[in-house]
Amino acid sequence: MAQKLQKLNMGNILKQVGYITGQSRKITYYRPPIYTRDDYGVETATVNTNEILIPNVQAYMRNIREKDYVLQRGGHNIIGTSRVYLPNLTTLKNFPNFNQTNNILFNEIEGFDKLIDVDRVVYQIPTSSSTDWEGTNVTFSADGDELLTVTLNSSGAAGVTPTFNTTASSKNILESNRLTLEIKASGTVLLNNIVSSGSSEKVTFTNTVLTVPTDSWLTIDYPFVSGTFTHPASTSSVYLSGTRYGVDITSGSGFSYKENLGVFNLNVSSSASGNKLYLRAAKYYKGIDWVVHSVNDYNDEFMVFDCVRLAGKRESRRRAY
């Protein structure tokens, strides 16, 4: 009698492949919000179901065609195709942010959901050295590799809370459209906002109720664009153990990417001196939005998604404008 082959552990395979090839990557899963409709069936500006935005999803990317430049009536477009491999749905739903006990919004990955990959890192925020940072009521230490440790001191002058930011200035982040970072805490630390400051304007990511976890890393990944925001781009999300925390993104219309990033600023609060915030993997990057067009579901092993990339005008046009 022939021996039955064991099932593939796709999760472990993706982790192992990640050590030897760049095709095993951590991507961001995104589903747009669903809006209510009026009595005539017209979509309103009221959100019925919030967006799902979950970073740090391990996947295997097999790009068939990354960029294909097409001249269309509306201008230049960049298209491409890719196959994305993920663990089967049962395994995926065991991950904290996909578990339906915690996240009741997720059911399955559907057509026209987005799988966001990193095209290239535009600017890596330095966390391997403490010499690139300054602050009030804080001390810094770094491991020389990727981890910055910020010790918070709340016993300074009355009314002064810990603040800290990078000291590097005039960084060109023109090509970036997303910002990501990983944080963890020792003790109770609240994340209030993240600010990217230019010479006269800034982009602010604000939340006042998010407690930084102490037992695992929290990955934050959100859109980063210039100009005055309009619906629905003025909001984003952070998912922690399946719970969504809504955040606001505001920007002055004068914010310019080109040679304009002054400081990267994290604002946190802590009631006890000596609590720590850990920061790593912070970067402005250019993302690729892979849109799901078809699904091949191998229930016992893995899922394969055929995806299409659709971007706007070429980078040279953006730089010119």
Protein backbone atom coordinates (compact mmCIF):
# COMPACT_ATOMS: atom_id res chain seq x y z
CA MET A 1 0.00 0.00 0.00
CA ALA A 2 1.45 3.35 -1.02
CA GLN A 3 2.26 5.74 1.77
CA LYS A 4 0.10 8.86 1.80
CA LEU A 5 2.03 12.07 1.36
CA GLN A 6 1.97 14.50 4.26
CA LYS A 7 0.26 17.84 3.87
CA LEU A 8 2.38 20.90 3.22
CA ASN A 9 2.87 23.30 6.11
CA MET A 10 2.74 26.41 3.96
CA GLY A 11 3.35 28.77 6.85
CA ASN A 12 6.67 27.13 7.74
CA ILE A 13 7.66 26.86 4.08
CA LEU A 14 7.16 30.59 3.56
CA LYS A 15 9.31 31.41 6.59
CA GLN A 16 12.12 29.11 5.46
CA VAL A 17 12.02 30.34 1.87
CA GLY A 18 12.22 33.88 3.20
CA TYR A 19 15.75 33.21 4.44
CA ILE A 20 17.06 32.21 1.01
CA THR A 21 15.03 34.16 -1.55
CA GLY A 22 13.47 37.59 -1.83
CA GLN A 23 10.30 36.09 -3.28
CA SER A 24 9.02 35.15 0.17
CA ARG A 25 7.91 38.52 1.48
CA LYS A 26 5.77 40.23 4.09
CA ILE A 27 2.90 42.06 2.42
CA THR A 28 -0.08 44.15 3.53
CA TYR A 29 -3.63 42.93 2.98
CA TYR A 30 -6.20 45.64 2.26
CA ARG A 31 -9.94 45.66 1.65
CA PRO A 32 -11.60 49.05 1.07
CA PRO A 33 -14.47 50.16 3.34
CA ILE A 34 -18.04 49.38 2.31
CA TYR A 35 -20.38 52.39 2.25
CA THR A 36 -24.11 52.58 2.82
CA ARG A 37 -26.52 53.35 -0.02
CA ASP A 38 -29.48 55.69 -0.12
CA ASP A 39 -33.02 54.75 -1.18
CA TYR A 40 -32.00 55.06 -4.84
CA GLY A 41 -29.05 52.72 -4.51
CA VAL A 42 -26.45 55.50 -4.69
CA GLU A 43 -23.39 55.06 -2.49
CA THR A 44 -23.16 57.60 0.35
CA ALA A 45 -20.15 58.91 2.32
CA THR A 46 -21.22 56.93 5.43
CA VAL A 47 -19.14 53.83 6.18
CA ASN A 48 -21.16 50.66 6.70
CA THR A 49 -18.18 48.31 7.21
CA ASN A 50 -14.72 49.59 8.03
CA GLU A 51 -11.69 48.88 5.87
CA ILE A 52 -9.41 45.95 6.66
CA LEU A 53 -5.71 46.79 6.65
CA ILE A 54 -3.42 44.05 7.96
CA PRO A 55 0.35 44.29 7.40
CA ASN A 56 3.07 41.70 7.97
CA VAL A 57 1.39 38.83 6.08
CA GLN A 58 3.93 36.24 4.90
CA ALA A 59 3.46 35.40 1.22
CA TYR A 60 5.34 33.98 -1.75
CA MET A 61 5.39 36.36 -4.72
CA ARG A 62 5.91 35.08 -8.25
CA ASN A 63 5.93 38.09 -10.52
CA ILE A 64 5.09 37.16 -14.09
CA ARG A 65 5.31 40.72 -15.37
CA GLU A 66 6.09 43.48 -12.91
CA LYS A 67 5.85 46.50 -15.21
CA ASP A 68 4.33 46.83 -18.65
CA TYR A 69 4.14 50.42 -19.88
CA VAL A 70 0.91 51.10 -21.75
CA LEU A 71 -0.16 54.29 -23.51
CA GLN A 72 -3.88 54.80 -23.03
CA ARG A 73 -6.34 57.56 -23.74
CA GLY A 74 -6.07 58.88 -20.19
CA GLY A 75 -2.25 58.90 -20.30
CA HIS A 76 0.48 56.42 -19.41
CA ASN A 77 -0.38 53.45 -17.21
CA ILE A 78 1.84 50.78 -15.72
CA ILE A 79 0.33 47.32 -15.50
CA GLY A 80 1.66 43.92 -14.47
CA THR A 81 0.65 40.44 -13.35
CA SER A 82 1.71 38.27 -10.43
CA ARG A 83 0.83 35.09 -8.59
CA VAL A 84 0.69 35.32 -4.80
CA TYR A 85 0.83 32.18 -2.65
CA LEU A 86 -0.65 32.18 0.88
CA PRO A 87 -1.44 29.46 3.45
CA ASN A 88 -4.89 27.91 3.16
CA LEU A 89 -7.82 29.82 4.59
CA THR A 90 -8.04 27.71 7.76
CA THR A 91 -4.39 28.41 8.57
CA LEU A 92 -4.74 32.10 7.69
CA LYS A 93 -7.67 32.47 10.07
CA ASN A 94 -5.49 31.24 12.94
CA PHE A 95 -3.37 34.39 12.64
CA PRO A 96 -4.47 36.97 15.30
CA ASN A 97 -5.64 39.72 12.95
CA PHE A 98 -7.52 37.29 10.67
CA ASN A 99 -9.10 35.20 13.44
CA GLN A 100 -12.85 35.71 13.21
CA THR A 101 -13.19 35.48 16.97
CA ASN A 102 -11.23 38.75 17.09
CA ASN A 103 -11.83 40.24 13.65
CA ILE A 104 -15.47 39.75 12.70
CA LEU A 105 -15.02 41.72 9.45
CA PHE A 106 -12.79 39.19 7.69
CA ASN A 107 -14.30 36.18 5.96
CA GLU A 108 -11.99 35.38 3.05
CA ILE A 109 -9.77 37.11 0.50
CA GLU A 110 -12.06 38.18 -2.32
CA GLY A 111 -11.77 39.54 -5.83
CA PHE A 112 -10.50 43.13 -6.03
CA ASP A 113 -8.99 43.04 -2.54
CA LYS A 114 -5.43 44.38 -2.56
CA LEU A 115 -2.17 42.71 -1.60
CA ILE A 116 0.37 45.51 -1.14
CA ASP A 117 4.05 44.70 -1.64
CA VAL A 118 7.18 46.83 -1.26
CA ASP A 119 8.50 47.93 -4.64
CA ARG A 120 11.51 49.69 -3.11
CA VAL A 121 12.51 51.47 0.07
CA VAL A 122 12.79 55.22 -0.56
CA TYR A 123 14.15 56.27 2.84
CA GLN A 124 15.09 54.03 5.78
CA ILE A 125 14.57 55.84 9.08
CA PRO A 126 17.77 55.18 11.10
CA THR A 127 17.22 52.96 14.15
CA SER A 128 20.61 51.22 14.34
CA SER A 129 22.24 54.25 16.00
CA SER A 130 21.03 56.70 18.64
CA THR A 131 23.08 59.57 17.19
CA ASP A 132 20.33 60.33 14.64
CA TRP A 133 17.77 61.16 17.34
CA GLU A 134 17.00 63.93 19.80
CA GLY A 135 14.25 64.44 22.37
CA THR A 136 12.91 65.77 25.66
CA ASN A 137 12.70 63.57 28.78
CA VAL A 138 14.07 60.55 26.91
CA THR A 139 17.31 58.63 26.58
CA PHE A 140 18.32 56.49 23.60
CA SER A 141 20.26 53.30 23.04
CA ALA A 142 20.67 51.15 19.91
CA ASP A 143 21.89 47.63 19.18
CA GLY A 144 23.93 48.66 16.13
CA ASP A 145 21.73 46.51 13.90
CA GLU A 146 18.09 47.59 13.63
CA LEU A 147 16.64 48.24 17.08
CA LEU A 148 16.28 51.63 18.77
CA THR A 149 15.32 51.67 22.48
CA VAL A 150 13.77 54.85 23.87
CA THR A 151 13.56 55.12 27.67
CA LEU A 152 10.79 57.50 28.72
CA ASN A 153 11.15 59.84 31.69
CA SER A 154 7.91 61.42 32.94
CA SER A 155 9.46 63.10 36.00
CA GLY A 156 10.82 66.14 34.19
CA ALA A 157 9.45 69.68 34.31
CA ALA A 158 5.75 70.08 35.01
CA GLY A 159 3.61 69.62 31.94
CA VAL A 160 6.49 68.26 29.83
CA THR A 161 5.87 64.89 28.18
CA PRO A 162 8.43 62.70 26.43
CA THR A 163 8.96 63.63 22.77
CA PHE A 164 11.60 62.51 20.29
CA ASN A 165 12.41 62.79 16.60
CA THR A 166 15.08 62.23 14.00
CA THR A 167 17.69 64.93 13.40
CA ALA A 168 18.35 64.25 9.71
CA SER A 169 16.79 66.84 7.39
CA SER A 170 16.13 67.57 3.71
CA LYS A 171 15.48 63.97 2.73
CA ASN A 172 13.97 63.36 -0.70
CA ILE A 173 10.99 61.04 -0.28
CA LEU A 174 9.27 61.96 -3.54
CA GLU A 175 8.79 58.37 -4.72
CA SER A 176 7.26 57.04 -1.49
CA ASN A 177 3.54 56.49 -1.03
CA ARG A 178 3.46 54.51 2.23
CA LEU A 179 5.11 54.57 5.65
CA THR A 180 5.64 51.52 7.84
CA LEU A 181 7.24 50.82 11.23
CA GLU A 182 7.25 48.26 14.04
CA ILE A 183 6.92 49.18 17.73
CA LYS A 184 6.79 47.38 21.07
CA ALA A 185 6.79 48.63 24.67
CA SER A 186 7.96 47.80 28.17
CA GLY A 187 5.32 49.10 30.57
CA THR A 188 2.22 51.10 29.64
CA VAL A 189 2.96 53.37 26.68
CA LEU A 190 0.31 55.11 24.55
CA LEU A 191 0.92 56.04 20.91
CA ASN A 192 -0.56 59.48 20.29
CA ASN A 193 0.61 60.38 16.81
CA ILE A 194 3.28 60.06 14.13
CA VAL A 195 4.38 63.20 12.32
CA SER A 196 6.35 63.68 9.11
CA SER A 197 7.37 67.33 9.04
CA GLY A 198 8.41 69.39 6.05
CA SER A 199 9.70 72.94 5.94
CA SER A 200 6.25 74.45 6.43
CA GLU A 201 3.67 71.65 6.46
CA LYS A 202 3.35 68.18 7.90
CA VAL A 203 1.51 64.88 7.54
CA THR A 204 0.08 63.64 10.86
CA PHE A 205 -1.16 60.17 11.76
CA THR A 206 -3.24 60.53 14.95
CA ASN A 207 -4.71 58.12 17.49
CA THR A 208 -5.15 58.78 21.21
CA VAL A 209 -6.30 55.40 22.56
CA LEU A 210 -3.77 52.91 21.17
CA THR A 211 -1.73 51.15 23.86
CA VAL A 212 1.51 49.75 22.44
CA PRO A 213 1.72 45.97 23.05
CA THR A 214 4.42 44.54 25.29
CA ASP A 215 4.33 40.89 24.25
CA SER A 216 4.56 41.24 20.45
CA TRP A 217 5.57 43.71 17.76
CA LEU A 218 2.87 45.98 16.35
CA THR A 219 3.30 46.76 12.65
CA ILE A 220 1.82 50.04 11.44
CA ASP A 221 1.53 50.57 7.68
CA TYR A 222 -0.42 53.43 6.17
CA PRO A 223 -0.72 55.55 3.00
CA PHE A 224 1.51 58.60 2.84
CA VAL A 225 0.57 61.24 0.28
CA SER A 226 0.87 64.98 -0.08
CA GLY A 227 -1.82 67.55 -0.65
CA THR A 228 -5.15 68.17 1.05
CA PHE A 229 -6.87 64.87 1.74
CA THR A 230 -10.38 64.14 0.55
CA HIS A 231 -12.81 61.35 1.39
CA PRO A 232 -12.06 58.51 1.97
CA ALA A 233 -8.26 58.96 2.12
CA SER A 234 -8.35 60.96 5.36
CA THR A 235 -8.63 57.84 7.51
CA SER A 236 -6.62 54.69 8.02
CA SER A 237 -6.48 51.75 10.42
CA VAL A 238 -4.30 49.88 12.86
CA TYR A 239 -5.27 46.29 13.66
CA LEU A 240 -4.08 44.83 16.96
CA SER A 241 -5.14 41.26 17.80
CA GLY A 242 -8.07 41.60 15.42
CA THR A 243 -9.34 44.87 16.90
CA ARG A 244 -9.42 47.89 14.60
CA TYR A 245 -8.24 51.29 15.81
CA GLY A 246 -9.32 54.09 13.51
CA VAL A 247 -6.77 56.83 12.86
CA ASP A 248 -6.89 60.20 11.16
CA ILE A 249 -4.37 61.36 8.56
CA THR A 250 -4.14 65.09 7.99
CA SER A 251 -1.85 67.07 5.71
CA GLY A 252 -1.22 70.64 4.71
CA SER A 253 -1.55 71.21 0.99
CA GLY A 254 1.92 72.74 0.93
CA PHE A 255 3.72 69.57 1.98
CA SER A 256 6.32 68.74 -0.65
CA TYR A 257 8.18 65.44 -0.92
CA LYS A 258 11.18 66.73 -2.80
CA GLU A 259 14.01 67.62 -0.38
CA ASN A 260 11.37 68.48 2.21
CA LEU A 261 11.30 65.78 4.91
CA GLY A 262 12.59 67.62 7.96
CA VAL A 263 11.96 65.22 10.86
CA PHE A 264 10.19 61.96 11.63
CA ASN A 265 8.48 62.41 15.01
CA LEU A 266 6.83 59.86 17.34
CA ASN A 267 4.66 61.29 20.12
CA VAL A 268 3.93 58.90 22.98
CA SER A 269 2.83 59.20 26.60
CA SER A 270 3.63 57.18 29.70
CA SER A 271 2.69 57.74 33.35
CA ALA A 272 5.73 55.95 34.80
CA SER A 273 9.41 56.78 34.39
CA GLY A 274 11.57 54.02 32.99
CA ASN A 275 9.03 52.59 30.57
CA LYS A 276 10.52 51.85 27.18
CA LEU A 277 9.48 52.06 23.55
CA TYR A 278 11.25 49.86 20.98
CA LEU A 279 11.34 50.91 17.32
CA ARG A 280 12.56 49.07 14.21
CA ALA A 281 11.91 48.57 10.48
CA ALA A 282 10.75 52.16 9.97
CA LYS A 283 10.76 53.29 6.36
CA TYR A 284 9.09 55.33 3.67
CA TYR A 285 8.53 53.07 0.68
CA LYS A 286 6.95 52.83 -2.73
CA GLY A 287 4.28 50.16 -2.70
CA ILE A 288 2.82 47.93 -5.41
CA ASP A 289 -0.94 47.35 -5.24
CA TRP A 290 -1.63 43.84 -6.52
CA VAL A 291 -5.41 43.54 -7.10
CA VAL A 292 -6.88 40.05 -6.77
CA HIS A 293 -8.59 38.89 -9.97
CA SER A 294 -8.89 35.12 -9.46
CA VAL A 295 -8.38 32.57 -6.70
CA ASN A 296 -7.15 28.99 -6.91
CA ASP A 297 -7.97 27.43 -3.54
CA TYR A 298 -6.08 24.29 -2.55
CA ASN A 299 -7.99 23.66 0.67
CA ASP A 300 -5.54 21.22 2.22
CA GLU A 301 -2.37 23.13 1.36
CA PHE A 302 -2.38 26.72 0.09
CA MET A 303 -4.14 29.41 -1.93
CA VAL A 304 -2.92 30.99 -5.16
CA PHE A 305 -4.12 34.45 -6.20
CA ASP A 306 -3.74 35.75 -9.74
CA CYS A 307 -3.24 39.49 -9.34
CA VAL A 308 -3.00 42.51 -11.61
CA ARG A 309 -1.02 45.65 -10.95
CA LEU A 310 -2.44 48.95 -12.14
CA ALA A 311 -0.49 52.13 -11.44
CA GLY A 312 -0.73 55.67 -12.65
CA LYS A 313 1.66 57.83 -14.61
CA ARG A 314 5.39 57.21 -14.76
CA GLU A 315 7.65 58.40 -11.95
CA SER A 316 9.30 60.94 -14.25
CA ARG A 317 5.92 62.66 -14.64
CA ARG A 318 5.37 62.80 -10.88
CA ARG A 319 8.83 64.28 -10.37
CA ALA A 320 8.19 66.85 -13.09
CA TYR A 321 4.88 67.95 -11.55
